[in-house]
Each structure stands twice: as C-alpha cells, then as structure tokens.
PDB file of N, CA and C in Angstrom:
ATOM      1  N   UNK A   1     -15.981  13.623  15.945  1.00  0.00           N
ATOM      2  CA  UNK A   1     -14.693  13.283  16.521  1.00  0.00           C
ATOM      3  C   UNK A   1     -14.445  11.788  16.314  1.00  0.00           C
ATOM      4  N   UNK A   2     -13.214  11.451  16.000  1.00  0.00           N
ATOM      5  CA  UNK A   2     -12.839  10.062  15.792  1.00  0.00           C
ATOM      6  C   UNK A   2     -12.792   9.338  17.130  1.00  0.00           C
ATOM      7  N   UNK A   3     -13.341   8.133  17.137  1.00  0.00           N
ATOM      8  CA  UNK A   3     -13.316   7.368  18.381  1.00  0.00           C
ATOM      9  C   UNK A   3     -12.016   6.572  18.455  1.00  0.00           C
ATOM     10  N   UNK A   4     -11.402   6.617  19.618  1.00  0.00           N
ATOM     11  CA  UNK A   4     -10.179   5.859  19.874  1.00  0.00           C
ATOM     12  C   UNK A   4     -10.513   4.846  20.950  1.00  0.00           C
ATOM     13  N   UNK A   5     -10.229   3.577  20.667  1.00  0.00           N
ATOM     14  CA  UNK A   5     -10.540   2.526  21.639  1.00  0.00           C
ATOM     15  C   UNK A   5      -9.254   1.867  22.114  1.00  0.00           C
ATOM     16  N   UNK A   6      -9.294   1.419  23.350  1.00  0.00           N
ATOM     17  CA  UNK A   6      -8.183   0.695  23.951  1.00  0.00           C
ATOM     18  C   UNK A   6      -8.778  -0.477  24.708  1.00  0.00           C
ATOM     19  N   UNK A   7      -8.420  -1.680  24.304  1.00  0.00           N
ATOM     20  CA  UNK A   7      -8.958  -2.903  24.907  1.00  0.00           C
ATOM     21  C   UNK A   7     -10.489  -2.923  24.863  1.00  0.00           C
ATOM     22  N   UNK A   8     -11.040  -2.442  23.773  1.00  0.00           N
ATOM     23  CA  UNK A   8     -12.486  -2.475  23.593  1.00  0.00           C
ATOM     24  C   UNK A   8     -13.240  -1.347  24.266  1.00  0.00           C
ATOM     25  N   UNK A   9     -12.560  -0.431  24.933  1.00  0.00           N
ATOM     26  CA  UNK A   9     -13.215   0.682  25.616  1.00  0.00           C
ATOM     27  C   UNK A   9     -12.807   1.987  24.945  1.00  0.00           C
ATOM     28  N   UNK A  10     -13.772   2.872  24.726  1.00  0.00           N
ATOM     29  CA  UNK A  10     -13.486   4.150  24.083  1.00  0.00           C
ATOM     30  C   UNK A  10     -12.800   5.094  25.070  1.00  0.00           C
ATOM     31  N   UNK A  11     -11.804   5.811  24.559  1.00  0.00           N
ATOM     32  CA  UNK A  11     -11.066   6.761  25.390  1.00  0.00           C
ATOM     33  C   UNK A  11     -11.718   8.129  25.242  1.00  0.00           C
ATOM     34  N   UNK A  12     -12.132   8.723  26.369  1.00  0.00           N
ATOM     35  CA  UNK A  12     -12.766  10.039  26.361  1.00  0.00           C
ATOM     36  C   UNK A  12     -11.835  11.115  26.907  1.00  0.00           C
ATOM     37  N   UNK A  13     -10.870  10.758  27.723  1.00  0.00           N
ATOM     38  CA  UNK A  13      -9.956  11.713  28.336  1.00  0.00           C
ATOM     39  C   UNK A  13      -9.072  12.328  27.246  1.00  0.00           C
ATOM     40  N   UNK A  14      -9.071  13.670  27.099  1.00  0.00           N
ATOM     41  CA  UNK A  14      -8.280  14.306  26.033  1.00  0.00           C
ATOM     42  C   UNK A  14      -6.780  14.023  26.138  1.00  0.00           C
ATOM     43  N   UNK A  15      -6.254  13.982  27.356  1.00  0.00           N
ATOM     44  CA  UNK A  15      -4.824  13.713  27.514  1.00  0.00           C
ATOM     45  C   UNK A  15      -4.488  12.294  27.063  1.00  0.00           C
ATOM     46  N   UNK A  16      -5.340  11.331  27.382  1.00  0.00           N
ATOM     47  CA  UNK A  16      -5.096   9.954  26.950  1.00  0.00           C
ATOM     48  C   UNK A  16      -5.281   9.806  25.444  1.00  0.00           C
ATOM     49  N   UNK A  17      -6.182  10.598  24.860  1.00  0.00           N
ATOM     50  CA  UNK A  17      -6.361  10.561  23.407  1.00  0.00           C
ATOM     51  C   UNK A  17      -5.095  11.035  22.707  1.00  0.00           C
ATOM     52  N   UNK A  18      -4.487  12.108  23.233  1.00  0.00           N
ATOM     53  CA  UNK A  18      -3.243  12.621  22.653  1.00  0.00           C
ATOM     54  C   UNK A  18      -2.134  11.592  22.829  1.00  0.00           C
ATOM     55  N   UNK A  19      -2.071  10.986  24.006  1.00  0.00           N
ATOM     56  CA  UNK A  19      -1.061   9.961  24.270  1.00  0.00           C
ATOM     57  C   UNK A  19      -1.232   8.767  23.324  1.00  0.00           C
ATOM     58  N   UNK A  20      -2.461   8.337  23.091  1.00  0.00           N
ATOM     59  CA  UNK A  20      -2.722   7.212  22.183  1.00  0.00           C
ATOM     60  C   UNK A  20      -2.328   7.573  20.749  1.00  0.00           C
ATOM     61  N   UNK A  21      -2.606   8.802  20.336  1.00  0.00           N
ATOM     62  CA  UNK A  21      -2.224   9.230  18.987  1.00  0.00           C
ATOM     63  C   UNK A  21      -0.704   9.276  18.842  1.00  0.00           C
ATOM     64  N   UNK A  22      -0.022   9.797  19.856  1.00  0.00           N
ATOM     65  CA  UNK A  22       1.445   9.827  19.814  1.00  0.00           C
ATOM     66  C   UNK A  22       2.031   8.425  19.797  1.00  0.00           C
ATOM     67  N   UNK A  23       1.407   7.520  20.547  1.00  0.00           N
ATOM     68  CA  UNK A  23       1.854   6.127  20.573  1.00  0.00           C
ATOM     69  C   UNK A  23       1.740   5.511  19.174  1.00  0.00           C
ATOM     70  N   UNK A  24       0.635   5.766  18.490  1.00  0.00           N
ATOM     71  CA  UNK A  24       0.430   5.213  17.146  1.00  0.00           C
ATOM     72  C   UNK A  24       1.419   5.809  16.151  1.00  0.00           C
ATOM     73  N   UNK A  25       1.640   7.119  16.229  1.00  0.00           N
ATOM     74  CA  UNK A  25       2.579   7.769  15.311  1.00  0.00           C
ATOM     75  C   UNK A  25       3.993   7.276  15.565  1.00  0.00           C
ATOM     76  N   UNK A  26       4.378   7.149  16.825  1.00  0.00           N
ATOM     77  CA  UNK A  26       5.713   6.649  17.159  1.00  0.00           C
ATOM     78  C   UNK A  26       5.912   5.226  16.644  1.00  0.00           C
ATOM     79  N   UNK A  27       4.901   4.382  16.792  1.00  0.00           N
ATOM     80  CA  UNK A  27       4.988   3.014  16.275  1.00  0.00           C
ATOM     81  C   UNK A  27       5.161   2.986  14.771  1.00  0.00           C
ATOM     82  N   UNK A  28       4.441   3.849  14.073  1.00  0.00           N
ATOM     83  CA  UNK A  28       4.581   3.919  12.619  1.00  0.00           C
ATOM     84  C   UNK A  28       5.959   4.380  12.192  1.00  0.00           C
ATOM     85  N   UNK A  29       6.472   5.392  12.882  1.00  0.00           N
ATOM     86  CA  UNK A  29       7.805   5.896  12.559  1.00  0.00           C
ATOM     87  C   UNK A  29       8.867   4.827  12.815  1.00  0.00           C
ATOM     88  N   UNK A  30       8.742   4.115  13.934  1.00  0.00           N
ATOM     89  CA  UNK A  30       9.707   3.057  14.231  1.00  0.00           C
ATOM     90  C   UNK A  30       9.635   1.913  13.215  1.00  0.00           C
ATOM     91  N   UNK A  31       8.446   1.594  12.740  1.00  0.00           N
ATOM     92  CA  UNK A  31       8.304   0.537  11.738  1.00  0.00           C
ATOM     93  C   UNK A  31       8.984   0.940  10.434  1.00  0.00           C
ATOM     94  N   UNK A  32       8.767   2.165   9.999  1.00  0.00           N
ATOM     95  CA  UNK A  32       9.398   2.641   8.764  1.00  0.00           C
ATOM     96  C   UNK A  32      10.914   2.693   8.930  1.00  0.00           C
ATOM     97  N   UNK A  33      11.376   3.155  10.096  1.00  0.00           N
ATOM     98  CA  UNK A  33      12.820   3.214  10.337  1.00  0.00           C
ATOM     99  C   UNK A  33      13.435   1.816  10.342  1.00  0.00           C
ATOM    100  N   UNK A  34      12.740   0.855  10.927  1.00  0.00           N
ATOM    101  CA  UNK A  34      13.249  -0.513  10.956  1.00  0.00           C
ATOM    102  C   UNK A  34      13.395  -1.106   9.568  1.00  0.00           C
ATOM    103  N   UNK A  35      12.402  -0.901   8.727  1.00  0.00           N
ATOM    104  CA  UNK A  35      12.470  -1.419   7.358  1.00  0.00           C
ATOM    105  C   UNK A  35      13.589  -0.730   6.588  1.00  0.00           C
ATOM    106  N   UNK A  36      13.722   0.579   6.777  1.00  0.00           N
ATOM    107  CA  UNK A  36      14.773   1.326   6.088  1.00  0.00           C
ATOM    108  C   UNK A  36      16.158   0.826   6.508  1.00  0.00           C
ATOM    109  N   UNK A  37      16.350   0.618   7.786  1.00  0.00           N
ATOM    110  CA  UNK A  37      17.642   0.111   8.268  1.00  0.00           C
ATOM    111  C   UNK A  37      17.903  -1.289   7.733  1.00  0.00           C
ATOM    112  N   UNK A  38      16.875  -2.138   7.720  1.00  0.00           N
ATOM    113  CA  UNK A  38      17.052  -3.503   7.236  1.00  0.00           C
ATOM    114  C   UNK A  38      17.453  -3.512   5.754  1.00  0.00           C
ATOM    115  N   UNK A  39      16.794  -2.706   4.944  1.00  0.00           N
ATOM    116  CA  UNK A  39      17.133  -2.647   3.518  1.00  0.00           C
ATOM    117  C   UNK A  39      18.538  -2.079   3.338  1.00  0.00           C
ATOM    118  N   UNK A  40      18.891  -1.073   4.136  1.00  0.00           N
ATOM    119  CA  UNK A  40      20.229  -0.501   4.054  1.00  0.00           C
ATOM    120  C   UNK A  40      21.311  -1.503   4.404  1.00  0.00           C
ATOM    121  N   UNK A  41      21.087  -2.284   5.431  1.00  0.00           N
ATOM    122  CA  UNK A  41      22.064  -3.303   5.828  1.00  0.00           C
ATOM    123  C   UNK A  41      22.205  -4.356   4.735  1.00  0.00           C
ATOM    124  N   UNK A  42      21.091  -4.738   4.124  1.00  0.00           N
ATOM    125  CA  UNK A  42      21.174  -5.729   3.043  1.00  0.00           C
ATOM    126  C   UNK A  42      21.958  -5.177   1.852  1.00  0.00           C
ATOM    127  N   UNK A  43      21.781  -3.881   1.553  1.00  0.00           N
ATOM    128  CA  UNK A  43      22.511  -3.290   0.435  1.00  0.00           C
ATOM    129  C   UNK A  43      24.010  -3.187   0.733  1.00  0.00           C
ATOM    130  N   UNK A  44      24.349  -2.859   1.967  1.00  0.00           N
ATOM    131  CA  UNK A  44      25.759  -2.721   2.331  1.00  0.00           C
ATOM    132  C   UNK A  44      26.446  -4.084   2.379  1.00  0.00           C
ATOM    133  N   UNK A  45      25.742  -5.110   2.863  1.00  0.00           N
ATOM    134  CA  UNK A  45      26.348  -6.435   2.984  1.00  0.00           C
ATOM    135  C   UNK A  45      26.207  -7.279   1.709  1.00  0.00           C
ATOM    136  N   UNK A  46      25.597  -6.736   0.661  1.00  0.00           N
ATOM    137  CA  UNK A  46      25.408  -7.460  -0.597  1.00  0.00           C
ATOM    138  C   UNK A  46      26.710  -8.041  -1.135  1.00  0.00           C
ATOM    139  N   UNK A  47      27.824  -7.286  -1.138  1.00  0.00           N
ATOM    140  CA  UNK A  47      29.075  -7.869  -1.664  1.00  0.00           C
ATOM    141  C   UNK A  47      29.593  -9.045  -0.839  1.00  0.00           C
ATOM    142  N   UNK A  48      29.086  -9.233   0.360  1.00  0.00           N
ATOM    143  CA  UNK A  48      29.528 -10.354   1.192  1.00  0.00           C
ATOM    144  C   UNK A  48      28.641 -11.570   0.977  1.00  0.00           C
ATOM    145  N   UNK A  49      27.313 -11.405   1.095  1.00  0.00           N
ATOM    146  CA  UNK A  49      26.451 -12.582   1.064  1.00  0.00           C
ATOM    147  C   UNK A  49      26.199 -13.122  -0.333  1.00  0.00           C
ATOM    148  N   UNK A  50      26.366 -12.313  -1.369  1.00  0.00           N
ATOM    149  CA  UNK A  50      26.158 -12.840  -2.719  1.00  0.00           C
ATOM    150  C   UNK A  50      27.214 -13.885  -3.087  1.00  0.00           C
ATOM    151  N   UNK A  51      28.521 -13.637  -2.891  1.00  0.00           N
ATOM    152  CA  UNK A  51      29.507 -14.690  -3.175  1.00  0.00           C
ATOM    153  C   UNK A  51      29.374 -15.897  -2.245  1.00  0.00           C
ATOM    154  N   UNK A  52      28.993 -15.650  -0.992  1.00  0.00           N
ATOM    155  CA  UNK A  52      28.798 -16.769  -0.067  1.00  0.00           C
ATOM    156  C   UNK A  52      27.646 -17.641  -0.553  1.00  0.00           C
ATOM    157  N   UNK A  53      26.578 -17.011  -1.049  1.00  0.00           N
ATOM    158  CA  UNK A  53      25.448 -17.772  -1.600  1.00  0.00           C
ATOM    159  C   UNK A  53      25.909 -18.617  -2.787  1.00  0.00           C
ATOM    160  N   UNK A  54      26.713 -18.033  -3.659  1.00  0.00           N
ATOM    161  CA  UNK A  54      27.202 -18.774  -4.814  1.00  0.00           C
ATOM    162  C   UNK A  54      28.063 -19.958  -4.379  1.00  0.00           C
ATOM    163  N   UNK A  55      28.938 -19.746  -3.382  1.00  0.00           N
ATOM    164  CA  UNK A  55      29.786 -20.840  -2.898  1.00  0.00           C
ATOM    165  C   UNK A  55      28.952 -21.951  -2.259  1.00  0.00           C
ATOM    166  N   UNK A  56      27.949 -21.567  -1.478  1.00  0.00           N
ATOM    167  CA  UNK A  56      27.086 -22.578  -0.861  1.00  0.00           C
ATOM    168  C   UNK A  56      26.405 -23.426  -1.927  1.00  0.00           C
ATOM    169  N   UNK A  57      25.862 -22.780  -2.940  1.00  0.00           N
ATOM    170  CA  UNK A  57      25.176 -23.540  -3.996  1.00  0.00           C
ATOM    171  C   UNK A  57      26.163 -24.368  -4.812  1.00  0.00           C
ATOM    172  N   UNK A  58      27.365 -23.862  -4.995  1.00  0.00           N
ATOM    173  CA  UNK A  58      28.386 -24.603  -5.737  1.00  0.00           C
ATOM    174  C   UNK A  58      28.741 -25.908  -5.026  1.00  0.00           C
ATOM    175  N   UNK A  59      28.732 -25.893  -3.703  1.00  0.00           N
ATOM    176  CA  UNK A  59      29.072 -27.085  -2.926  1.00  0.00           C
ATOM    177  C   UNK A  59      27.843 -27.865  -2.463  1.00  0.00           C
ATOM    178  N   UNK A  60      26.710 -27.657  -3.120  1.00  0.00           N
ATOM    179  CA  UNK A  60      25.536 -28.490  -2.883  1.00  0.00           C
ATOM    180  C   UNK A  60      24.651 -28.070  -1.725  1.00  0.00           C
ATOM    181  N   UNK A  61      24.826 -26.870  -1.235  1.00  0.00           N
ATOM    182  CA  UNK A  61      23.972 -26.383  -0.155  1.00  0.00           C
ATOM    183  C   UNK A  61      22.814 -25.587  -0.744  1.00  0.00           C
ATOM    184  N   UNK A  62      21.870 -25.185   0.091  1.00  0.00           N
ATOM    185  CA  UNK A  62      20.684 -24.479  -0.396  1.00  0.00           C
ATOM    186  C   UNK A  62      20.950 -23.014  -0.720  1.00  0.00           C
ATOM    187  N   UNK A  63      21.756 -22.343   0.079  1.00  0.00           N
ATOM    188  CA  UNK A  63      22.065 -20.941  -0.166  1.00  0.00           C
ATOM    189  C   UNK A  63      21.000 -20.005   0.387  1.00  0.00           C
ATOM    190  N   UNK A  64      21.271 -18.714   0.294  1.00  0.00           N
ATOM    191  CA  UNK A  64      20.379 -17.707   0.851  1.00  0.00           C
ATOM    192  C   UNK A  64      19.234 -17.354  -0.095  1.00  0.00           C
ATOM    193  N   UNK A  65      19.502 -17.330  -1.388  1.00  0.00           N
ATOM    194  CA  UNK A  65      18.495 -16.950  -2.371  1.00  0.00           C
ATOM    195  C   UNK A  65      17.582 -18.140  -2.640  1.00  0.00           C
ATOM    196  N   UNK A  66      16.294 -17.958  -2.406  1.00  0.00           N
ATOM    197  CA  UNK A  66      15.318 -19.034  -2.594  1.00  0.00           C
ATOM    198  C   UNK A  66      14.421 -18.656  -3.761  1.00  0.00           C
ATOM    199  N   UNK A  67      14.406 -19.520  -4.766  1.00  0.00           N
ATOM    200  CA  UNK A  67      13.553 -19.293  -5.931  1.00  0.00           C
ATOM    201  C   UNK A  67      12.467 -20.362  -5.945  1.00  0.00           C
ATOM    202  N   UNK A  68      11.229 -19.905  -5.923  1.00  0.00           N
ATOM    203  CA  UNK A  68      10.103 -20.824  -6.047  1.00  0.00           C
ATOM    204  C   UNK A  68       9.393 -20.501  -7.349  1.00  0.00           C
ATOM    205  N   UNK A  69       8.224 -21.036  -7.577  1.00  0.00           N
ATOM    206  CA  UNK A  69       7.530 -20.920  -8.859  1.00  0.00           C
ATOM    207  C   UNK A  69       7.544 -19.484  -9.399  1.00  0.00           C
ATOM    208  N   UNK A  70       6.959 -18.569  -8.696  1.00  0.00           N
ATOM    209  CA  UNK A  70       6.903 -17.187  -9.171  1.00  0.00           C
ATOM    210  C   UNK A  70       7.371 -16.218  -8.088  1.00  0.00           C
ATOM    211  N   UNK A  71       8.217 -16.708  -7.184  1.00  0.00           N
ATOM    212  CA  UNK A  71       8.627 -15.907  -6.035  1.00  0.00           C
ATOM    213  C   UNK A  71      10.129 -16.026  -5.814  1.00  0.00           C
ATOM    214  N   UNK A  72      10.740 -14.925  -5.447  1.00  0.00           N
ATOM    215  CA  UNK A  72      12.164 -14.895  -5.106  1.00  0.00           C
ATOM    216  C   UNK A  72      12.272 -14.262  -3.727  1.00  0.00           C
ATOM    217  N   UNK A  73      13.029 -14.890  -2.829  1.00  0.00           N
ATOM    218  CA  UNK A  73      13.206 -14.319  -1.498  1.00  0.00           C
ATOM    219  C   UNK A  73      14.602 -14.623  -0.982  1.00  0.00           C
ATOM    220  N   UNK A  74      15.021 -13.823  -0.023  1.00  0.00           N
ATOM    221  CA  UNK A  74      16.299 -14.032   0.649  1.00  0.00           C
ATOM    222  C   UNK A  74      16.016 -14.516   2.051  1.00  0.00           C
ATOM    223  N   UNK A  75      16.577 -15.647   2.407  1.00  0.00           N
ATOM    224  CA  UNK A  75      16.340 -16.232   3.720  1.00  0.00           C
ATOM    225  C   UNK A  75      17.688 -16.483   4.389  1.00  0.00           C
ATOM    226  N   UNK A  76      17.986 -15.663   5.385  1.00  0.00           N
ATOM    227  CA  UNK A  76      19.244 -15.793   6.109  1.00  0.00           C
ATOM    228  C   UNK A  76      19.012 -16.661   7.341  1.00  0.00           C
ATOM    229  N   UNK A  77      18.861 -17.952   7.111  1.00  0.00           N
ATOM    230  CA  UNK A  77      18.597 -18.904   8.189  1.00  0.00           C
ATOM    231  C   UNK A  77      19.601 -20.050   8.089  1.00  0.00           C
ATOM    232  N   UNK A  78      19.540 -20.953   9.039  1.00  0.00           N
ATOM    233  CA  UNK A  78      20.457 -22.098   9.018  1.00  0.00           C
ATOM    234  C   UNK A  78      20.107 -23.070   7.898  1.00  0.00           C
ATOM    235  N   UNK A  79      18.912 -22.939   7.324  1.00  0.00           N
ATOM    236  CA  UNK A  79      18.528 -23.810   6.204  1.00  0.00           C
ATOM    237  C   UNK A  79      19.458 -23.602   5.002  1.00  0.00           C
ATOM    238  N   UNK A  80      20.097 -22.438   4.910  1.00  0.00           N
ATOM    239  CA  UNK A  80      20.988 -22.153   3.781  1.00  0.00           C
ATOM    240  C   UNK A  80      22.191 -23.090   3.754  1.00  0.00           C
ATOM    241  N   UNK A  81      22.567 -23.641   4.894  1.00  0.00           N
ATOM    242  CA  UNK A  81      23.764 -24.476   4.984  1.00  0.00           C
ATOM    243  C   UNK A  81      23.449 -25.969   4.902  1.00  0.00           C
ATOM    244  N   UNK A  82      22.202 -26.323   4.782  1.00  0.00           N
ATOM    245  CA  UNK A  82      21.833 -27.741   4.655  1.00  0.00           C
ATOM    246  C   UNK A  82      21.929 -28.190   3.215  1.00  0.00           C
ATOM    247  N   UNK A  83      22.127 -29.459   3.038  1.00  0.00           N
ATOM    248  CA  UNK A  83      22.199 -29.987   1.671  1.00  0.00           C
ATOM    249  C   UNK A  83      20.838 -29.858   1.016  1.00  0.00           C
ATOM    250  N   UNK A  84      20.854 -29.433  -0.229  1.00  0.00           N
ATOM    251  CA  UNK A  84      19.561 -29.194  -0.854  1.00  0.00           C
ATOM    252  C   UNK A  84      19.440 -29.757  -2.188  1.00  0.00           C
TER     253      UNK A  84
END
C-alpha cells in the first residue's frame, strides 16, 4: 500500500486517505484548468495586446514581449510602460 503523509505523519485512517487522494486530484485538476484558462485568455486578447506592444516599443517603452539571449516571454507588468 502506498504511504500517504501529512505534515510528516503517515495517514492510516482509510477515510482520511481517500480525502487526501481527492484533495490531490482536485488540486491537479484546478492547476490544469487554470493554465488552460490563462492560455485561452491570452489567445483571445492577442489582437489587443500585440498592437499595444508595438505602439509601446514605437514610442520608446519596453513593451510586453521580452526577448533575451535565447528566451522569449510575455510580461504583463508595469515594466512594459517604462522607458527602455
């Protein structure tokens, strides 16, 4: 039987073992749902933030798209509006 620990103590109660397993599965499902929603929102708002990024860079700001040596990332922070 797989050992399940909580705060360093092994859980032996069958009802608590089921509850701990459900808690872990629920957390995993919520994490996947959160990432899916985040990617979906970025895809839907793409026509808005891409031109805004171009305008920010055109006027000397940093913009949302950050390109480093071998990395590309999108950073929606206040740093995008600072002179860069």
